[in-house]
């Protein structure tokens, strides 16, 4: 069984990579994938903290896994809506550049 500390450290590393990808990328699909990576890292952190919490109390609890499942469902919904927005944007503007997406306000 893997300890909780390496799982939480890996989660923090994946979240940082996703955050950098979301900030530095200009391609909208890459930004969506970076956001998905951040959500997956938060799921991993939920499970890691749940493992630490259940080890401290000597009681196996399934609450963190349930929360991770809910976050997974929310991230799938977010991805579907985000891809629909990207497809509509490409059809109207002909570009996937995130800088051109600021023109959607007007």
Protein backbone atom coordinates (compact mmCIF):
# COMPACT_ATOMS: atom_id res chain seq x y z
CA UNK A 1 0.00 0.00 0.00
CA UNK A 2 1.34 3.43 -0.96
CA UNK A 3 1.67 6.04 1.77
CA UNK A 4 -0.41 9.21 1.57
CA UNK A 5 2.49 11.69 1.41
CA UNK A 6 3.81 10.70 -2.06
CA UNK A 7 0.26 10.72 -3.41
CA UNK A 8 -0.30 14.26 -2.12
CA UNK A 9 3.08 15.40 -3.46
CA UNK A 10 2.26 13.95 -6.89
CA UNK A 11 -1.10 15.68 -6.75
CA UNK A 12 0.56 19.04 -6.04
CA UNK A 13 3.03 18.51 -8.90
CA UNK A 14 0.26 17.62 -11.36
CA UNK A 15 -1.78 20.62 -10.25
CA UNK A 16 1.19 22.94 -10.77
CA UNK A 17 1.80 21.52 -14.26
CA UNK A 18 -1.89 22.00 -15.11
CA UNK A 19 -1.88 25.55 -13.76
CA UNK A 20 1.18 26.45 -15.81
CA UNK A 21 -0.41 24.89 -18.87
CA UNK A 22 -3.63 26.84 -18.37
CA UNK A 23 -1.77 30.12 -17.92
CA UNK A 24 0.89 29.77 -20.62
CA UNK A 25 -0.99 28.04 -23.47
CA UNK A 26 -2.83 29.94 -26.17
CA UNK A 27 -4.55 26.97 -27.82
CA UNK A 28 -8.03 26.60 -26.31
CA UNK A 29 -8.02 22.80 -26.39
CA UNK A 30 -4.68 22.75 -24.55
CA UNK A 31 -6.14 25.09 -21.94
CA UNK A 32 -9.11 22.75 -21.48
CA UNK A 33 -6.76 19.77 -21.11
CA UNK A 34 -4.73 21.68 -18.53
CA UNK A 35 -7.89 22.38 -16.55
CA UNK A 36 -8.75 18.69 -16.72
CA UNK A 37 -5.28 17.87 -15.39
CA UNK A 38 -5.87 20.24 -12.48
CA UNK A 39 -9.19 18.56 -11.70
CA UNK A 40 -7.57 15.13 -11.85
CA UNK A 41 -4.88 16.37 -9.45
CA UNK A 42 -7.58 17.57 -7.06
CA UNK A 43 -9.18 14.11 -7.23
CA UNK A 44 -5.84 12.54 -6.39
CA UNK A 45 -5.43 14.94 -3.47
CA UNK A 46 -8.92 14.08 -2.19
CA UNK A 47 -8.10 10.39 -2.22
CA UNK A 48 -4.66 10.98 -0.65
CA UNK A 49 -6.05 13.11 2.16
CA UNK A 50 -8.85 10.60 2.66
CA UNK A 51 -6.29 7.83 3.02
CA UNK A 52 -4.35 9.90 5.57
CA UNK A 53 -7.56 10.76 7.42
CA UNK A 54 -8.72 7.14 7.57
CA UNK A 55 -5.26 5.95 8.67
CA UNK A 56 -5.22 8.47 11.52
CA UNK A 57 -8.64 7.41 12.76
CA UNK A 58 -8.11 3.70 12.00
CA UNK A 59 -11.42 3.68 10.17
CA UNK A 60 -11.91 3.11 6.46
CA UNK A 61 -14.17 5.80 5.07
CA UNK A 62 -15.45 6.08 1.51
CA UNK A 63 -16.34 9.79 1.63
CA UNK A 64 -13.20 10.99 -0.23
CA UNK A 65 -13.83 8.50 -3.02
CA UNK A 66 -17.43 9.71 -3.32
CA UNK A 67 -16.27 13.34 -3.49
CA UNK A 68 -13.66 12.36 -6.10
CA UNK A 69 -16.39 10.68 -8.15
CA UNK A 70 -18.53 13.83 -7.96
CA UNK A 71 -15.57 15.97 -9.07
CA UNK A 72 -14.97 13.53 -11.93
CA UNK A 73 -18.58 13.89 -13.08
CA UNK A 74 -18.38 17.69 -12.80
CA UNK A 75 -15.14 17.72 -14.80
CA UNK A 76 -16.71 15.61 -17.53
CA UNK A 77 -19.61 18.05 -17.75
CA UNK A 78 -17.16 20.96 -17.81
CA UNK A 79 -15.23 19.34 -20.64
CA UNK A 80 -18.36 18.80 -22.73
CA UNK A 81 -19.51 22.39 -22.27
CA UNK A 82 -16.01 23.74 -22.90
CA UNK A 83 -15.60 21.74 -26.09
CA UNK A 84 -19.00 22.91 -27.29
CA UNK A 85 -17.91 26.52 -26.73
CA UNK A 86 -14.63 25.85 -28.58
CA UNK A 87 -16.48 24.32 -31.53
CA UNK A 88 -18.86 27.29 -31.68
CA UNK A 89 -15.90 29.66 -31.46
CA UNK A 90 -14.04 27.91 -34.28
CA UNK A 91 -17.12 27.98 -36.47
CA UNK A 92 -17.64 31.69 -35.92
CA UNK A 93 -14.02 32.92 -35.90
CA UNK A 94 -12.07 30.17 -37.66
CA UNK A 95 -9.34 30.16 -35.01
CA UNK A 96 -8.57 28.29 -31.79
CA UNK A 97 -6.32 31.03 -30.39
CA UNK A 98 -7.20 32.03 -26.83
CA UNK A 99 -6.28 35.67 -27.50
CA UNK A 100 -9.04 35.90 -30.10
CA UNK A 101 -11.50 34.55 -27.54
CA UNK A 102 -11.45 37.86 -25.70
CA UNK A 103 -13.46 39.23 -28.64
CA UNK A 104 -16.45 37.13 -27.53
CA UNK A 105 -17.41 39.85 -25.06
CA UNK A 106 -18.59 42.22 -27.78
